[in-house]
């Protein structure tokens, strides 16, 4: 709280300068856009996980998961000193130094790879899918929220480290997080419905999560990989699949005539 008050006082003192205000607003816009982009993987993961719940509980689980993500990010922003401390090396293994942040990324990466692999297996080899039946709810609300909370921590850590590097004012970072989560809350339902209706896009989403998990693992062992490469690969796959869908619909229309 003392850190927050100090930053608020600093922001208030500087508010009289038009240049400072313009710079803060530019940082807010840029950081908000970045937070929304970084939140895509969070929304996709939540959309996939809540499918194991009953239909009536899925919307509540999505909202709660995103609200928890916002609370976690704000809490981490208020603990900037602790976040920076996570960058310090804890031990050395095979010539590589590992910090608290690295361990969190490795744990999150392993979980995401395992979860995505399991979901892909269920959709390809699962008995319900072989029979053409819809999958029944197999998880409790608490278990799903626990999984979301675990990945929220990993994604929030990545988001907060990015925010600290892009903005100097704490109020700018917190405002960007709140706006980004509000945007995700608005579109999460649409994304979830779209993924649910199109099995191919669902598989692409799982492949996306698998890639994110591998990226977290690689980052955790000291080899940073820009998310831009993965986003580009997924965007390219998305465009190809959209073109395939349009071609399929055109072929069906031609056959109908």
C-alpha atoms as a PDB file:
ATOM      1  CA  UNK A   1       0.000   0.000   0.000  1.00  0.00           C
ATOM      2  CA  UNK A   2       2.860   2.365   0.775  1.00  0.00           C
ATOM      3  CA  UNK A   3       4.291   1.696  -2.696  1.00  0.00           C
ATOM      4  CA  UNK A   4       0.915   2.471  -4.279  1.00  0.00           C
ATOM      5  CA  UNK A   5       0.536   5.735  -2.329  1.00  0.00           C
ATOM      6  CA  UNK A   6       4.053   6.786  -3.255  1.00  0.00           C
ATOM      7  CA  UNK A   7       3.415   6.196  -6.945  1.00  0.00           C
ATOM      8  CA  UNK A   8       0.050   7.938  -6.753  1.00  0.00           C
ATOM      9  CA  UNK A   9       1.638  10.977  -5.123  1.00  0.00           C
ATOM     10  CA  UNK A  10       4.342  11.028  -7.786  1.00  0.00           C
ATOM     11  CA  UNK A  11       1.759  10.792 -10.570  1.00  0.00           C
ATOM     12  CA  UNK A  12      -0.322  13.563  -8.984  1.00  0.00           C
ATOM     13  CA  UNK A  13       2.680  15.862  -8.705  1.00  0.00           C
ATOM     14  CA  UNK A  14       3.551  15.312 -12.357  1.00  0.00           C
ATOM     15  CA  UNK A  15      -0.010  15.629 -13.648  1.00  0.00           C
ATOM     16  CA  UNK A  16       0.398  19.363 -14.164  1.00  0.00           C
ATOM     17  CA  UNK A  17       2.866  18.808 -16.994  1.00  0.00           C
ATOM     18  CA  UNK A  18       1.111  18.323 -20.378  1.00  0.00           C
ATOM     19  CA  UNK A  19       4.128  16.448 -21.749  1.00  0.00           C
ATOM     20  CA  UNK A  20       4.137  14.075 -18.798  1.00  0.00           C
ATOM     21  CA  UNK A  21       0.384  13.492 -19.121  1.00  0.00           C
ATOM     22  CA  UNK A  22       0.656  12.859 -22.866  1.00  0.00           C
ATOM     23  CA  UNK A  23       3.506  10.424 -22.270  1.00  0.00           C
ATOM     24  CA  UNK A  24       1.463   8.598 -19.597  1.00  0.00           C
ATOM     25  CA  UNK A  25      -1.575   8.352 -21.900  1.00  0.00           C
ATOM     26  CA  UNK A  26       0.567   6.988 -24.730  1.00  0.00           C
ATOM     27  CA  UNK A  27       2.065   4.434 -22.347  1.00  0.00           C
ATOM     28  CA  UNK A  28      -1.463   3.534 -21.184  1.00  0.00           C
ATOM     29  CA  UNK A  29      -2.709   2.932 -24.741  1.00  0.00           C
ATOM     30  CA  UNK A  30       0.360   0.921 -25.711  1.00  0.00           C
ATOM     31  CA  UNK A  31       0.344  -1.146 -22.536  1.00  0.00           C
ATOM     32  CA  UNK A  32      -3.404  -1.812 -22.761  1.00  0.00           C
ATOM     33  CA  UNK A  33      -3.005  -3.128 -26.310  1.00  0.00           C
ATOM     34  CA  UNK A  34      -0.086  -5.298 -25.175  1.00  0.00           C
ATOM     35  CA  UNK A  35      -2.089  -6.635 -22.210  1.00  0.00           C
ATOM     36  CA  UNK A  36      -4.974  -7.589 -24.503  1.00  0.00           C
ATOM     37  CA  UNK A  37      -2.591  -9.438 -26.850  1.00  0.00           C
ATOM     38  CA  UNK A  38      -0.877 -11.205 -23.942  1.00  0.00           C
ATOM     39  CA  UNK A  39      -4.310 -12.125 -22.579  1.00  0.00           C
ATOM     40  CA  UNK A  40      -5.316 -14.061 -25.698  1.00  0.00           C
ATOM     41  CA  UNK A  41      -3.633 -17.244 -24.471  1.00  0.00           C
ATOM     42  CA  UNK A  42      -5.353 -16.801 -21.109  1.00  0.00           C
ATOM     43  CA  UNK A  43      -8.792 -16.506 -22.738  1.00  0.00           C
ATOM     44  CA  UNK A  44      -8.150 -19.508 -24.995  1.00  0.00           C
ATOM     45  CA  UNK A  45      -7.042 -21.664 -22.048  1.00  0.00           C
ATOM     46  CA  UNK A  46     -10.078 -20.668 -19.991  1.00  0.00           C
ATOM     47  CA  UNK A  47     -12.406 -21.366 -22.939  1.00  0.00           C
ATOM     48  CA  UNK A  48     -10.961 -24.872 -23.327  1.00  0.00           C
ATOM     49  CA  UNK A  49     -10.958 -25.746 -19.619  1.00  0.00           C
ATOM     50  CA  UNK A  50     -14.506 -24.603 -18.817  1.00  0.00           C
ATOM     51  CA  UNK A  51     -15.902 -26.983 -21.456  1.00  0.00           C
ATOM     52  CA  UNK A  52     -15.584 -29.744 -18.875  1.00  0.00           C
ATOM     53  CA  UNK A  53     -18.202 -27.987 -16.750  1.00  0.00           C
ATOM     54  CA  UNK A  54     -21.957 -28.090 -17.123  1.00  0.00           C
ATOM     55  CA  UNK A  55     -23.265 -25.567 -19.653  1.00  0.00           C
ATOM     56  CA  UNK A  56     -24.935 -23.493 -16.929  1.00  0.00           C
ATOM     57  CA  UNK A  57     -21.634 -22.999 -15.053  1.00  0.00           C
ATOM     58  CA  UNK A  58     -19.308 -22.194 -17.947  1.00  0.00           C
ATOM     59  CA  UNK A  59     -20.019 -18.454 -18.210  1.00  0.00           C
ATOM     60  CA  UNK A  60     -19.539 -17.991 -14.454  1.00  0.00           C
ATOM     61  CA  UNK A  61     -16.251 -19.903 -14.567  1.00  0.00           C
ATOM     62  CA  UNK A  62     -14.977 -17.742 -17.461  1.00  0.00           C
ATOM     63  CA  UNK A  63     -15.842 -14.530 -15.633  1.00  0.00           C
ATOM     64  CA  UNK A  64     -14.345 -15.716 -12.356  1.00  0.00           C
ATOM     65  CA  UNK A  65     -11.165 -16.893 -14.097  1.00  0.00           C
ATOM     66  CA  UNK A  66     -10.609 -13.518 -15.773  1.00  0.00           C
ATOM     67  CA  UNK A  67     -11.414 -11.583 -12.597  1.00  0.00           C
ATOM     68  CA  UNK A  68      -8.879 -13.719 -10.711  1.00  0.00           C
ATOM     69  CA  UNK A  69      -6.346 -12.933 -13.439  1.00  0.00           C
ATOM     70  CA  UNK A  70      -6.962  -9.213 -12.921  1.00  0.00           C
ATOM     71  CA  UNK A  71      -6.664  -9.483  -9.130  1.00  0.00           C
ATOM     72  CA  UNK A  72      -3.435 -11.479  -9.459  1.00  0.00           C
ATOM     73  CA  UNK A  73      -1.889  -8.967 -11.854  1.00  0.00           C
ATOM     74  CA  UNK A  74      -2.770  -6.011  -9.659  1.00  0.00           C
ATOM     75  CA  UNK A  75      -1.426  -7.828  -6.584  1.00  0.00           C
ATOM     76  CA  UNK A  76       1.823  -8.572  -8.422  1.00  0.00           C
ATOM     77  CA  UNK A  77       2.093  -4.946  -9.557  1.00  0.00           C
ATOM     78  CA  UNK A  78       1.759  -3.862  -5.933  1.00  0.00           C
ATOM     79  CA  UNK A  79       4.630  -6.251  -5.110  1.00  0.00           C
ATOM     80  CA  UNK A  80       7.087  -4.967  -7.698  1.00  0.00           C
ATOM     81  CA  UNK A  81      10.073  -5.424  -5.381  1.00  0.00           C
ATOM     82  CA  UNK A  82       9.155  -9.094  -4.909  1.00  0.00           C
ATOM     83  CA  UNK A  83       8.720  -9.522  -8.676  1.00  0.00           C
ATOM     84  CA  UNK A  84      12.151  -8.055  -9.310  1.00  0.00           C
ATOM     85  CA  UNK A  85      13.549 -10.375  -6.635  1.00  0.00           C
ATOM     86  CA  UNK A  86      12.319 -13.351  -8.641  1.00  0.00           C
ATOM     87  CA  UNK A  87      14.933 -12.477 -11.260  1.00  0.00           C
ATOM     88  CA  UNK A  88      17.762 -13.298  -8.816  1.00  0.00           C
ATOM     89  CA  UNK A  89      19.483 -16.669  -9.306  1.00  0.00           C
ATOM     90  CA  UNK A  90      18.569 -19.345  -6.750  1.00  0.00           C
ATOM     91  CA  UNK A  91      20.885 -22.128  -7.922  1.00  0.00           C
ATOM     92  CA  UNK A  92      22.980 -23.281 -10.859  1.00  0.00           C
ATOM     93  CA  UNK A  93      22.392 -26.541 -12.740  1.00  0.00           C
ATOM     94  CA  UNK A  94      24.471 -27.761 -15.686  1.00  0.00           C
ATOM     95  CA  UNK A  95      25.983 -24.327 -16.066  1.00  0.00           C
ATOM     96  CA  UNK A  96      22.601 -22.560 -16.177  1.00  0.00           C
ATOM     97  CA  UNK A  97      21.343 -20.244 -13.444  1.00  0.00           C
ATOM     98  CA  UNK A  98      17.721 -20.669 -12.353  1.00  0.00           C
ATOM     99  CA  UNK A  99      15.667 -17.982 -10.627  1.00  0.00           C
ATOM    100  CA  UNK A 100      12.250 -18.084  -8.978  1.00  0.00           C
ATOM    101  CA  UNK A 101      10.714 -16.719 -12.191  1.00  0.00           C
ATOM    102  CA  UNK A 102      12.355 -19.522 -14.195  1.00  0.00           C
ATOM    103  CA  UNK A 103      10.916 -22.183 -11.890  1.00  0.00           C
ATOM    104  CA  UNK A 104       7.421 -20.697 -12.176  1.00  0.00           C
ATOM    105  CA  UNK A 105       7.689 -20.592 -15.977  1.00  0.00           C
ATOM    106  CA  UNK A 106       8.946 -24.196 -16.126  1.00  0.00           C
ATOM    107  CA  UNK A 107       6.130 -25.438 -13.862  1.00  0.00           C
ATOM    108  CA  UNK A 108       3.537 -23.513 -15.886  1.00  0.00           C
ATOM    109  CA  UNK A 109       5.002 -24.726 -19.172  1.00  0.00           C
ATOM    110  CA  UNK A 110       4.944 -28.365 -18.069  1.00  0.00           C
ATOM    111  CA  UNK A 111       1.358 -28.031 -16.883  1.00  0.00           C
ATOM    112  CA  UNK A 112       0.251 -26.367 -20.113  1.00  0.00           C
ATOM    113  CA  UNK A 113       1.979 -28.961 -22.316  1.00  0.00           C
ATOM    114  CA  UNK A 114       0.450 -31.810 -20.293  1.00  0.00           C
ATOM    115  CA  UNK A 115      -3.016 -30.218 -20.285  1.00  0.00           C
ATOM    116  CA  UNK A 116      -3.007 -29.440 -24.023  1.00  0.00           C
ATOM    117  CA  UNK A 117      -1.726 -32.928 -24.874  1.00  0.00           C
ATOM    118  CA  UNK A 118      -4.432 -34.533 -22.719  1.00  0.00           C
ATOM    119  CA  UNK A 119      -7.180 -32.420 -24.302  1.00  0.00           C
ATOM    120  CA  UNK A 120      -5.951 -33.229 -27.828  1.00  0.00           C
ATOM    121  CA  UNK A 121      -5.885 -36.941 -26.954  1.00  0.00           C
ATOM    122  CA  UNK A 122      -9.441 -36.741 -25.582  1.00  0.00           C
ATOM    123  CA  UNK A 123     -10.704 -35.098 -28.756  1.00  0.00           C
ATOM    124  CA  UNK A 124      -9.016 -37.589 -31.086  1.00  0.00           C
ATOM    125  CA  UNK A 125      -8.982 -40.873 -29.161  1.00  0.00           C
ATOM    126  CA  UNK A 126     -11.671 -40.313 -26.531  1.00  0.00           C
ATOM    127  CA  UNK A 127     -14.553 -42.828 -26.579  1.00  0.00           C
ATOM    128  CA  UNK A 128     -17.224 -40.094 -26.543  1.00  0.00           C
ATOM    129  CA  UNK A 129     -15.787 -38.526 -29.653  1.00  0.00           C
ATOM    130  CA  UNK A 130     -15.370 -41.848 -31.423  1.00  0.00           C
ATOM    131  CA  UNK A 131     -19.083 -42.477 -30.861  1.00  0.00           C
ATOM    132  CA  UNK A 132     -19.930 -38.980 -32.069  1.00  0.00           C
ATOM    133  CA  UNK A 133     -21.461 -38.024 -28.734  1.00  0.00           C
ATOM    134  CA  UNK A 134     -20.950 -34.791 -26.860  1.00  0.00           C
ATOM    135  CA  UNK A 135     -18.563 -35.001 -23.935  1.00  0.00           C
ATOM    136  CA  UNK A 136     -20.175 -35.023 -20.531  1.00  0.00           C
ATOM    137  CA  UNK A 137     -19.112 -32.717 -17.727  1.00  0.00           C
ATOM    138  CA  UNK A 138     -16.219 -34.434 -15.971  1.00  0.00           C
ATOM    139  CA  UNK A 139     -14.766 -31.780 -13.669  1.00  0.00           C
ATOM    140  CA  UNK A 140     -15.945 -29.878 -10.621  1.00  0.00           C
ATOM    141  CA  UNK A 141     -16.203 -26.091 -10.587  1.00  0.00           C
ATOM    142  CA  UNK A 142     -13.496 -25.864  -7.913  1.00  0.00           C
ATOM    143  CA  UNK A 143     -11.066 -28.041  -9.876  1.00  0.00           C
ATOM    144  CA  UNK A 144     -11.516 -25.975 -13.042  1.00  0.00           C
ATOM    145  CA  UNK A 145     -11.001 -22.703 -11.154  1.00  0.00           C
ATOM    146  CA  UNK A 146      -7.857 -24.151  -9.516  1.00  0.00           C
ATOM    147  CA  UNK A 147      -6.421 -24.968 -12.972  1.00  0.00           C
ATOM    148  CA  UNK A 148      -7.298 -21.492 -14.240  1.00  0.00           C
ATOM    149  CA  UNK A 149      -5.736 -19.891 -11.156  1.00  0.00           C
ATOM    150  CA  UNK A 150      -2.484 -21.799 -11.669  1.00  0.00           C
ATOM    151  CA  UNK A 151      -2.138 -20.647 -15.271  1.00  0.00           C
ATOM    152  CA  UNK A 152      -3.308 -17.145 -14.336  1.00  0.00           C
ATOM    153  CA  UNK A 153      -0.244 -16.918 -12.097  1.00  0.00           C
ATOM    154  CA  UNK A 154       2.125 -17.827 -14.935  1.00  0.00           C
ATOM    155  CA  UNK A 155       0.453 -15.568 -17.495  1.00  0.00           C
ATOM    156  CA  UNK A 156       0.160 -12.740 -14.960  1.00  0.00           C
ATOM    157  CA  UNK A 157       3.861 -12.945 -14.136  1.00  0.00           C
ATOM    158  CA  UNK A 158       4.705 -12.592 -17.823  1.00  0.00           C
ATOM    159  CA  UNK A 159       2.240  -9.716 -18.172  1.00  0.00           C
ATOM    160  CA  UNK A 160       3.514  -7.821 -15.126  1.00  0.00           C
ATOM    161  CA  UNK A 161       7.183  -8.112 -16.137  1.00  0.00           C
ATOM    162  CA  UNK A 162       6.216  -6.718 -19.555  1.00  0.00           C
ATOM    163  CA  UNK A 163       4.229  -3.897 -17.926  1.00  0.00           C
ATOM    164  CA  UNK A 164       7.110  -2.892 -15.639  1.00  0.00           C
ATOM    165  CA  UNK A 165       9.373  -2.671 -18.670  1.00  0.00           C
ATOM    166  CA  UNK A 166       6.934  -0.502 -20.650  1.00  0.00           C
ATOM    167  CA  UNK A 167       5.617   2.000 -18.090  1.00  0.00           C
ATOM    168  CA  UNK A 168       6.963   3.922 -15.092  1.00  0.00           C
ATOM    169  CA  UNK A 169       3.719   4.877 -13.332  1.00  0.00           C
ATOM    170  CA  UNK A 170       1.911   2.282 -11.261  1.00  0.00           C
ATOM    171  CA  UNK A 171      -1.505   3.817 -12.005  1.00  0.00           C
ATOM    172  CA  UNK A 172      -0.851   3.392 -15.722  1.00  0.00           C
ATOM    173  CA  UNK A 173      -0.043  -0.307 -15.271  1.00  0.00           C
ATOM    174  CA  UNK A 174      -3.099  -1.003 -13.086  1.00  0.00           C
ATOM    175  CA  UNK A 175      -5.441   0.936 -15.393  1.00  0.00           C
ATOM    176  CA  UNK A 176      -4.115  -0.970 -18.430  1.00  0.00           C
ATOM    177  CA  UNK A 177      -4.706  -4.305 -16.665  1.00  0.00           C
ATOM    178  CA  UNK A 178      -8.274  -3.370 -15.671  1.00  0.00           C
ATOM    179  CA  UNK A 179      -9.152  -2.173 -19.206  1.00  0.00           C
ATOM    180  CA  UNK A 180      -7.573  -5.259 -20.816  1.00  0.00           C
ATOM    181  CA  UNK A 181      -9.480  -7.644 -18.533  1.00  0.00           C
ATOM    182  CA  UNK A 182     -12.717  -5.728 -19.223  1.00  0.00           C
ATOM    183  CA  UNK A 183     -12.137  -6.214 -22.973  1.00  0.00           C
ATOM    184  CA  UNK A 184     -11.433  -9.916 -22.425  1.00  0.00           C
ATOM    185  CA  UNK A 185     -14.606 -10.279 -20.324  1.00  0.00           C
ATOM    186  CA  UNK A 186     -16.634  -8.807 -23.196  1.00  0.00           C
ATOM    187  CA  UNK A 187     -15.179 -11.076 -25.875  1.00  0.00           C
ATOM    188  CA  UNK A 188     -14.451 -14.259 -23.872  1.00  0.00           C
ATOM    189  CA  UNK A 189     -17.968 -15.601 -24.402  1.00  0.00           C
ATOM    190  CA  UNK A 190     -17.823 -15.044 -28.160  1.00  0.00           C
ATOM    191  CA  UNK A 191     -14.394 -16.687 -28.397  1.00  0.00           C
ATOM    192  CA  UNK A 192     -15.543 -19.655 -26.322  1.00  0.00           C
ATOM    193  CA  UNK A 193     -18.694 -20.129 -28.438  1.00  0.00           C
ATOM    194  CA  UNK A 194     -16.736 -19.870 -31.684  1.00  0.00           C
ATOM    195  CA  UNK A 195     -14.159 -22.425 -30.521  1.00  0.00           C
ATOM    196  CA  UNK A 196     -16.911 -24.764 -29.358  1.00  0.00           C
ATOM    197  CA  UNK A 197     -18.798 -24.622 -32.664  1.00  0.00           C
ATOM    198  CA  UNK A 198     -15.771 -25.259 -34.862  1.00  0.00           C
ATOM    199  CA  UNK A 199     -13.789 -28.426 -33.969  1.00  0.00           C
ATOM    200  CA  UNK A 200     -10.897 -27.456 -36.254  1.00  0.00           C
ATOM    201  CA  UNK A 201     -10.467 -24.120 -34.515  1.00  0.00           C
ATOM    202  CA  UNK A 202     -10.645 -25.945 -31.193  1.00  0.00           C
ATOM    203  CA  UNK A 203      -7.721 -28.119 -32.271  1.00  0.00           C
ATOM    204  CA  UNK A 204      -5.825 -25.024 -33.427  1.00  0.00           C
ATOM    205  CA  UNK A 205      -6.468 -23.443 -30.026  1.00  0.00           C
ATOM    206  CA  UNK A 206      -5.048 -26.521 -28.290  1.00  0.00           C
ATOM    207  CA  UNK A 207      -2.017 -26.457 -30.597  1.00  0.00           C
ATOM    208  CA  UNK A 208      -1.618 -22.800 -29.665  1.00  0.00           C
ATOM    209  CA  UNK A 209      -1.633 -23.687 -25.957  1.00  0.00           C
ATOM    210  CA  UNK A 210       0.888 -26.455 -26.610  1.00  0.00           C
ATOM    211  CA  UNK A 211       3.206 -23.979 -28.335  1.00  0.00           C
ATOM    212  CA  UNK A 212       2.813 -21.495 -25.477  1.00  0.00           C
ATOM    213  CA  UNK A 213       3.703 -24.247 -23.000  1.00  0.00           C
ATOM    214  CA  UNK A 214       6.858 -25.146 -24.947  1.00  0.00           C
ATOM    215  CA  UNK A 215       7.763 -21.456 -25.137  1.00  0.00           C
ATOM    216  CA  UNK A 216       7.394 -21.104 -21.346  1.00  0.00           C
ATOM    217  CA  UNK A 217       9.625 -24.149 -20.834  1.00  0.00           C
ATOM    218  CA  UNK A 218      12.293 -22.809 -23.175  1.00  0.00           C
ATOM    219  CA  UNK A 219      12.108 -19.393 -21.533  1.00  0.00           C
ATOM    220  CA  UNK A 220      12.386 -20.993 -18.104  1.00  0.00           C
ATOM    221  CA  UNK A 221      15.647 -22.755 -18.985  1.00  0.00           C
ATOM    222  CA  UNK A 222      17.198 -19.517 -20.163  1.00  0.00           C
ATOM    223  CA  UNK A 223      16.427 -19.276 -23.897  1.00  0.00           C
ATOM    224  CA  UNK A 224      13.913 -16.500 -24.494  1.00  0.00           C
ATOM    225  CA  UNK A 225      11.609 -16.885 -27.486  1.00  0.00           C
ATOM    226  CA  UNK A 226       9.484 -13.952 -28.616  1.00  0.00           C
ATOM    227  CA  UNK A 227       5.748 -14.609 -28.515  1.00  0.00           C
ATOM    228  CA  UNK A 228       5.539 -12.821 -31.836  1.00  0.00           C
ATOM    229  CA  UNK A 229       6.759 -15.948 -33.640  1.00  0.00           C
ATOM    230  CA  UNK A 230       4.035 -18.088 -32.084  1.00  0.00           C
ATOM    231  CA  UNK A 231       1.315 -15.501 -32.654  1.00  0.00           C
ATOM    232  CA  UNK A 232       2.372 -15.217 -36.291  1.00  0.00           C
ATOM    233  CA  UNK A 233       2.284 -19.014 -36.744  1.00  0.00           C
ATOM    234  CA  UNK A 234      -1.168 -19.256 -35.181  1.00  0.00           C
ATOM    235  CA  UNK A 235      -2.487 -16.258 -37.133  1.00  0.00           C
ATOM    236  CA  UNK A 236      -1.242 -17.848 -40.368  1.00  0.00           C
ATOM    237  CA  UNK A 237      -2.913 -21.164 -39.475  1.00  0.00           C
ATOM    238  CA  UNK A 238      -6.094 -19.288 -38.599  1.00  0.00           C
ATOM    239  CA  UNK A 239      -6.186 -17.518 -41.961  1.00  0.00           C
ATOM    240  CA  UNK A 240      -5.584 -20.809 -43.802  1.00  0.00           C
ATOM    241  CA  UNK A 241      -8.422 -22.495 -41.895  1.00  0.00           C
ATOM    242  CA  UNK A 242     -10.799 -19.603 -42.586  1.00  0.00           C
ATOM    243  CA  UNK A 243     -10.005 -19.900 -46.310  1.00  0.00           C
ATOM    244  CA  UNK A 244     -10.620 -23.671 -46.102  1.00  0.00           C
ATOM    245  CA  UNK A 245     -14.002 -23.075 -44.459  1.00  0.00           C
ATOM    246  CA  UNK A 246     -15.014 -20.575 -47.133  1.00  0.00           C
ATOM    247  CA  UNK A 247     -13.900 -22.955 -49.896  1.00  0.00           C
ATOM    248  CA  UNK A 248     -15.884 -25.779 -48.285  1.00  0.00           C
ATOM    249  CA  UNK A 249     -19.017 -23.639 -48.056  1.00  0.00           C
ATOM    250  CA  UNK A 250     -18.628 -22.554 -51.686  1.00  0.00           C
ATOM    251  CA  UNK A 251     -18.304 -26.205 -52.740  1.00  0.00           C
ATOM    252  CA  UNK A 252     -21.433 -27.138 -50.746  1.00  0.00           C
ATOM    253  CA  UNK A 253     -23.378 -24.277 -52.291  1.00  0.00           C
ATOM    254  CA  UNK A 254     -22.285 -25.308 -55.788  1.00  0.00           C
ATOM    255  CA  UNK A 255     -23.268 -28.923 -55.103  1.00  0.00           C
ATOM    256  CA  UNK A 256     -26.668 -27.810 -53.796  1.00  0.00           C
ATOM    257  CA  UNK A 257     -27.380 -25.960 -57.047  1.00  0.00           C
END
